[in-house]
Amino acid sequence: MPRDKAFNTIFDQIRLLKNRGLQINNLSSAKEHLKDKNYFDLINGHETLLLDDAKRSPKKYTKKSFDNFLRLHDFDKQFSSLILKKISEFETKLKTTISYHFCKNHCSTLAENNNYIDINHYNKPGLTDGPKQYVKYFYHSNDQEKTHKLFTQLSQPEIGKYALM
């Protein structure tokens, strides 16, 4: 378990970094960055890349500056943003593709348009088809049939009610 650490002011944080050999070219800029980004995200999150030896104590930086941490932090934020954007694009593509193919196969006529909200057009997962906490949702504890309320036949007015949601 990590040891408890006392609160350090921005001044204390900068003094600690300087004592470890980190070059700080612009003191006021460093103070502002530590206030805006916090020490953990800015320093601790990237220090193993810049320490002389991450496994040795005391921590020491040679020929490293505060600007190195800023560049790593900015790269990390840009990279994270790009990854999240790509995940979002993938999610949209996946949902669109699933919807398209489901509708193509099950909603090709006006009479079939509401099939996507009829649970009988979906397969009930098997007991070992996924995480237990999700799969068990489709079963009552002592009955292995389609017993969940989602699997009951909905009347046409009920189907219409769900279609408007």
C-alpha atoms as a PDB file:
ATOM      1  CA  MET A   1       0.000   0.000   0.000  1.00  0.00           C
ATOM      2  CA  PRO A   2       1.385   3.446  -0.865  1.00  0.00           C
ATOM      3  CA  ARG A   3       2.578   5.556   1.958  1.00  0.00           C
ATOM      4  CA  ASP A   4       0.615   8.639   2.939  1.00  0.00           C
ATOM      5  CA  LYS A   5       1.983  11.914   1.671  1.00  0.00           C
ATOM      6  CA  ALA A   6       1.570  15.333   3.186  1.00  0.00           C
ATOM      7  CA  PHE A   7      -0.031  18.150   1.224  1.00  0.00           C
ATOM      8  CA  ASN A   8       2.438  20.111  -0.930  1.00  0.00           C
ATOM      9  CA  THR A   9       1.801  23.621  -2.141  1.00  0.00           C
ATOM     10  CA  ILE A  10       2.637  24.531  -5.743  1.00  0.00           C
ATOM     11  CA  PHE A  11       5.841  26.094  -4.416  1.00  0.00           C
ATOM     12  CA  ASP A  12       6.710  22.817  -2.605  1.00  0.00           C
ATOM     13  CA  GLN A  13       5.999  20.801  -5.756  1.00  0.00           C
ATOM     14  CA  ILE A  14       8.300  22.986  -7.839  1.00  0.00           C
ATOM     15  CA  ARG A  15      11.033  22.848  -5.188  1.00  0.00           C
ATOM     16  CA  LEU A  16      10.755  19.029  -5.147  1.00  0.00           C
ATOM     17  CA  LEU A  17      11.088  18.865  -8.931  1.00  0.00           C
ATOM     18  CA  LYS A  18      14.106  21.182  -8.881  1.00  0.00           C
ATOM     19  CA  ASN A  19      15.730  19.139  -6.100  1.00  0.00           C
ATOM     20  CA  ARG A  20      15.355  16.091  -8.351  1.00  0.00           C
ATOM     21  CA  GLY A  21      17.260  17.902 -11.108  1.00  0.00           C
ATOM     22  CA  LEU A  22      14.357  18.978 -13.327  1.00  0.00           C
ATOM     23  CA  GLN A  23      15.022  22.200 -15.226  1.00  0.00           C
ATOM     24  CA  ILE A  24      12.248  24.762 -14.931  1.00  0.00           C
ATOM     25  CA  ASN A  25      12.837  27.535 -17.459  1.00  0.00           C
ATOM     26  CA  ASN A  26       9.679  29.551 -16.777  1.00  0.00           C
ATOM     27  CA  LEU A  27       8.616  29.476 -13.125  1.00  0.00           C
ATOM     28  CA  SER A  28       5.321  31.338 -13.539  1.00  0.00           C
ATOM     29  CA  SER A  29       4.312  29.090 -16.445  1.00  0.00           C
ATOM     30  CA  ALA A  30       5.161  25.971 -14.421  1.00  0.00           C
ATOM     31  CA  LYS A  31       3.014  27.237 -11.523  1.00  0.00           C
ATOM     32  CA  GLU A  32       0.059  27.816 -13.844  1.00  0.00           C
ATOM     33  CA  HIS A  33       0.396  24.405 -15.470  1.00  0.00           C
ATOM     34  CA  LEU A  34       0.520  22.678 -12.071  1.00  0.00           C
ATOM     35  CA  LYS A  35      -2.587  24.590 -10.994  1.00  0.00           C
ATOM     36  CA  ASP A  36      -4.445  23.746 -14.228  1.00  0.00           C
ATOM     37  CA  LYS A  37      -3.377  20.147 -14.763  1.00  0.00           C
ATOM     38  CA  ASN A  38      -2.378  18.959 -11.258  1.00  0.00           C
ATOM     39  CA  TYR A  39       0.863  17.301 -10.237  1.00  0.00           C
ATOM     40  CA  PHE A  40      -0.329  13.726 -10.550  1.00  0.00           C
ATOM     41  CA  ASP A  41      -1.550  14.031 -14.159  1.00  0.00           C
ATOM     42  CA  LEU A  42       1.342  16.172 -15.289  1.00  0.00           C
ATOM     43  CA  ILE A  43       4.308  14.657 -13.436  1.00  0.00           C
ATOM     44  CA  ASN A  44       3.496  11.270 -11.883  1.00  0.00           C
ATOM     45  CA  GLY A  45       1.614  10.100 -14.954  1.00  0.00           C
ATOM     46  CA  HIS A  46       4.732  10.442 -17.131  1.00  0.00           C
ATOM     47  CA  GLU A  47       7.721  10.452 -14.803  1.00  0.00           C
ATOM     48  CA  THR A  48       8.839   6.872 -15.482  1.00  0.00           C
ATOM     49  CA  LEU A  49       9.593   7.952 -19.056  1.00  0.00           C
ATOM     50  CA  LEU A  50      11.844  10.794 -17.911  1.00  0.00           C
ATOM     51  CA  LEU A  51      13.488   9.580 -14.712  1.00  0.00           C
ATOM     52  CA  ASP A  52      17.126   8.534 -14.913  1.00  0.00           C
ATOM     53  CA  ASP A  53      16.163   5.214 -13.322  1.00  0.00           C
ATOM     54  CA  ALA A  54      12.510   4.683 -12.432  1.00  0.00           C
ATOM     55  CA  LYS A  55      13.351   1.871 -10.010  1.00  0.00           C
ATOM     56  CA  ARG A  56      15.933   3.744  -7.930  1.00  0.00           C
ATOM     57  CA  SER A  57      15.391   6.122  -5.114  1.00  0.00           C
ATOM     58  CA  PRO A  58      15.775   9.058  -4.822  1.00  0.00           C
ATOM     59  CA  LYS A  59      14.164  10.139  -8.065  1.00  0.00           C
ATOM     60  CA  LYS A  60      16.540  12.050 -10.362  1.00  0.00           C
ATOM     61  CA  TYR A  61      16.209  13.848 -13.698  1.00  0.00           C
ATOM     62  CA  THR A  62      19.221  14.604 -15.861  1.00  0.00           C
ATOM     63  CA  LYS A  63      18.919  16.967 -18.835  1.00  0.00           C
ATOM     64  CA  LYS A  64      15.122  16.974 -18.516  1.00  0.00           C
ATOM     65  CA  SER A  65      12.897  20.007 -18.268  1.00  0.00           C
ATOM     66  CA  PHE A  66       9.375  20.833 -17.225  1.00  0.00           C
ATOM     67  CA  ASP A  67       8.649  21.347 -20.928  1.00  0.00           C
ATOM     68  CA  ASN A  68       9.311  17.637 -21.524  1.00  0.00           C
ATOM     69  CA  PHE A  69       6.451  16.848 -19.151  1.00  0.00           C
ATOM     70  CA  LEU A  70       4.201  19.387 -20.857  1.00  0.00           C
ATOM     71  CA  ARG A  71       4.864  17.838 -24.270  1.00  0.00           C
ATOM     72  CA  LEU A  72       4.180  14.325 -22.944  1.00  0.00           C
ATOM     73  CA  HIS A  73       0.995  15.502 -21.244  1.00  0.00           C
ATOM     74  CA  ASP A  74      -0.226  17.240 -24.414  1.00  0.00           C
ATOM     75  CA  PHE A  75       0.604  14.179 -26.529  1.00  0.00           C
ATOM     76  CA  ASP A  76      -1.243  11.946 -24.066  1.00  0.00           C
ATOM     77  CA  LYS A  77      -4.355  14.164 -24.165  1.00  0.00           C
ATOM     78  CA  GLN A  78      -4.313  14.356 -27.974  1.00  0.00           C
ATOM     79  CA  PHE A  79      -3.791  10.603 -28.291  1.00  0.00           C
ATOM     80  CA  SER A  80      -6.594   9.862 -25.803  1.00  0.00           C
ATOM     81  CA  SER A  81      -8.899  12.215 -27.658  1.00  0.00           C
ATOM     82  CA  LEU A  82      -8.102  10.519 -30.963  1.00  0.00           C
ATOM     83  CA  ILE A  83      -8.681   7.049 -29.499  1.00  0.00           C
ATOM     84  CA  LEU A  84     -12.030   8.098 -27.991  1.00  0.00           C
ATOM     85  CA  LYS A  85     -13.055   9.671 -31.299  1.00  0.00           C
ATOM     86  CA  LYS A  86     -12.208   6.464 -33.185  1.00  0.00           C
ATOM     87  CA  ILE A  87     -14.089   4.353 -30.619  1.00  0.00           C
ATOM     88  CA  SER A  88     -17.113   6.618 -31.021  1.00  0.00           C
ATOM     89  CA  GLU A  89     -16.918   6.366 -34.811  1.00  0.00           C
ATOM     90  CA  PHE A  90     -16.637   2.575 -34.555  1.00  0.00           C
ATOM     91  CA  GLU A  91     -19.622   2.427 -32.191  1.00  0.00           C
ATOM     92  CA  THR A  92     -21.735   4.482 -34.595  1.00  0.00           C
ATOM     93  CA  LYS A  93     -20.697   2.305 -37.539  1.00  0.00           C
ATOM     94  CA  LEU A  94     -21.435  -0.881 -35.575  1.00  0.00           C
ATOM     95  CA  LYS A  95     -24.882   0.316 -34.448  1.00  0.00           C
ATOM     96  CA  THR A  96     -25.704   1.472 -37.970  1.00  0.00           C
ATOM     97  CA  THR A  97     -24.609  -1.814 -39.513  1.00  0.00           C
ATOM     98  CA  ILE A  98     -26.535  -3.923 -36.986  1.00  0.00           C
ATOM     99  CA  SER A  99     -29.638  -1.797 -37.438  1.00  0.00           C
ATOM    100  CA  TYR A 100     -29.382  -1.887 -41.221  1.00  0.00           C
ATOM    101  CA  HIS A 101     -28.978  -5.657 -41.443  1.00  0.00           C
ATOM    102  CA  PHE A 102     -31.635  -6.371 -38.834  1.00  0.00           C
ATOM    103  CA  CYS A 103     -34.142  -4.145 -40.608  1.00  0.00           C
ATOM    104  CA  LYS A 104     -33.173  -5.577 -43.994  1.00  0.00           C
ATOM    105  CA  ASN A 105     -33.923  -9.101 -42.729  1.00  0.00           C
ATOM    106  CA  HIS A 106     -36.861  -8.460 -40.397  1.00  0.00           C
ATOM    107  CA  CYS A 107     -38.523  -5.153 -41.345  1.00  0.00           C
ATOM    108  CA  SER A 108     -38.741  -5.194 -45.131  1.00  0.00           C
ATOM    109  CA  THR A 109     -42.504  -4.531 -45.309  1.00  0.00           C
ATOM    110  CA  LEU A 110     -44.770  -2.039 -43.561  1.00  0.00           C
ATOM    111  CA  ALA A 111     -46.348  -4.878 -41.580  1.00  0.00           C
ATOM    112  CA  GLU A 112     -42.901  -5.834 -40.259  1.00  0.00           C
ATOM    113  CA  ASN A 113     -41.715  -2.311 -39.372  1.00  0.00           C
ATOM    114  CA  ASN A 114     -42.057  -2.817 -35.608  1.00  0.00           C
ATOM    115  CA  ASN A 115     -40.275  -6.171 -35.522  1.00  0.00           C
ATOM    116  CA  TYR A 116     -37.204  -4.541 -34.031  1.00  0.00           C
ATOM    117  CA  ILE A 117     -39.085  -4.006 -30.751  1.00  0.00           C
ATOM    118  CA  ASP A 118     -40.564  -7.525 -30.674  1.00  0.00           C
ATOM    119  CA  ILE A 119     -38.368  -9.634 -28.430  1.00  0.00           C
ATOM    120  CA  ASN A 120     -39.359 -12.791 -30.291  1.00  0.00           C
ATOM    121  CA  HIS A 121     -37.112 -11.669 -33.161  1.00  0.00           C
ATOM    122  CA  TYR A 122     -34.081 -11.856 -30.899  1.00  0.00           C
ATOM    123  CA  ASN A 123     -32.253 -14.883 -29.555  1.00  0.00           C
ATOM    124  CA  LYS A 124     -32.215 -15.433 -25.835  1.00  0.00           C
ATOM    125  CA  PRO A 125     -28.601 -15.811 -24.706  1.00  0.00           C
ATOM    126  CA  GLY A 126     -27.560 -19.202 -23.419  1.00  0.00           C
ATOM    127  CA  LEU A 127     -26.550 -19.481 -19.784  1.00  0.00           C
ATOM    128  CA  THR A 128     -22.857 -19.468 -20.781  1.00  0.00           C
ATOM    129  CA  ASP A 129     -23.058 -16.913 -23.628  1.00  0.00           C
ATOM    130  CA  GLY A 130     -21.775 -13.940 -21.686  1.00  0.00           C
ATOM    131  CA  PRO A 131     -21.172 -12.405 -18.287  1.00  0.00           C
ATOM    132  CA  LYS A 132     -23.480 -14.040 -15.755  1.00  0.00           C
ATOM    133  CA  GLN A 133     -24.862 -10.730 -14.459  1.00  0.00           C
ATOM    134  CA  TYR A 134     -26.209  -9.918 -17.952  1.00  0.00           C
ATOM    135  CA  VAL A 135     -27.334 -13.367 -19.054  1.00  0.00           C
ATOM    136  CA  LYS A 136     -29.280 -14.058 -15.851  1.00  0.00           C
ATOM    137  CA  TYR A 137     -31.426 -10.999 -16.598  1.00  0.00           C
ATOM    138  CA  PHE A 138     -33.247 -13.057 -19.238  1.00  0.00           C
ATOM    139  CA  TYR A 139     -34.127 -15.897 -16.864  1.00  0.00           C
ATOM    140  CA  HIS A 140     -36.076 -16.329 -13.671  1.00  0.00           C
ATOM    141  CA  SER A 141     -33.912 -18.101 -11.134  1.00  0.00           C
ATOM    142  CA  ASN A 142     -35.907 -21.381 -11.099  1.00  0.00           C
ATOM    143  CA  ASP A 143     -37.147 -21.481 -14.704  1.00  0.00           C
ATOM    144  CA  GLN A 144     -34.890 -21.829 -17.764  1.00  0.00           C
ATOM    145  CA  GLU A 145     -37.543 -20.817 -20.327  1.00  0.00           C
ATOM    146  CA  LYS A 146     -38.106 -17.367 -21.832  1.00  0.00           C
ATOM    147  CA  THR A 147     -39.711 -16.175 -18.630  1.00  0.00           C
ATOM    148  CA  HIS A 148     -38.567 -12.596 -18.399  1.00  0.00           C
ATOM    149  CA  LYS A 149     -41.218  -9.954 -19.079  1.00  0.00           C
ATOM    150  CA  LEU A 150     -39.297  -8.952 -22.208  1.00  0.00           C
ATOM    151  CA  PHE A 151     -40.166 -12.326 -23.735  1.00  0.00           C
ATOM    152  CA  THR A 152     -43.911 -12.035 -23.258  1.00  0.00           C
ATOM    153  CA  GLN A 153     -45.960 -11.324 -26.360  1.00  0.00           C
ATOM    154  CA  LEU A 154     -46.776  -7.625 -26.623  1.00  0.00           C
ATOM    155  CA  SER A 155     -50.084  -6.487 -28.030  1.00  0.00           C
ATOM    156  CA  GLN A 156     -50.048  -4.099 -31.011  1.00  0.00           C
ATOM    157  CA  PRO A 157     -50.947  -1.008 -28.850  1.00  0.00           C
ATOM    158  CA  GLU A 158     -48.069  -1.879 -26.508  1.00  0.00           C
ATOM    159  CA  ILE A 159     -45.672  -2.230 -29.452  1.00  0.00           C
ATOM    160  CA  GLY A 160     -46.763   1.199 -30.699  1.00  0.00           C
ATOM    161  CA  LYS A 161     -46.180   2.683 -27.258  1.00  0.00           C
ATOM    162  CA  TYR A 162     -42.552   1.454 -27.283  1.00  0.00           C
ATOM    163  CA  ALA A 163     -42.023   2.630 -30.851  1.00  0.00           C
ATOM    164  CA  LEU A 164     -42.748   6.206 -29.754  1.00  0.00           C
ATOM    165  CA  MET A 165     -40.061   6.147 -27.038  1.00  0.00           C
END
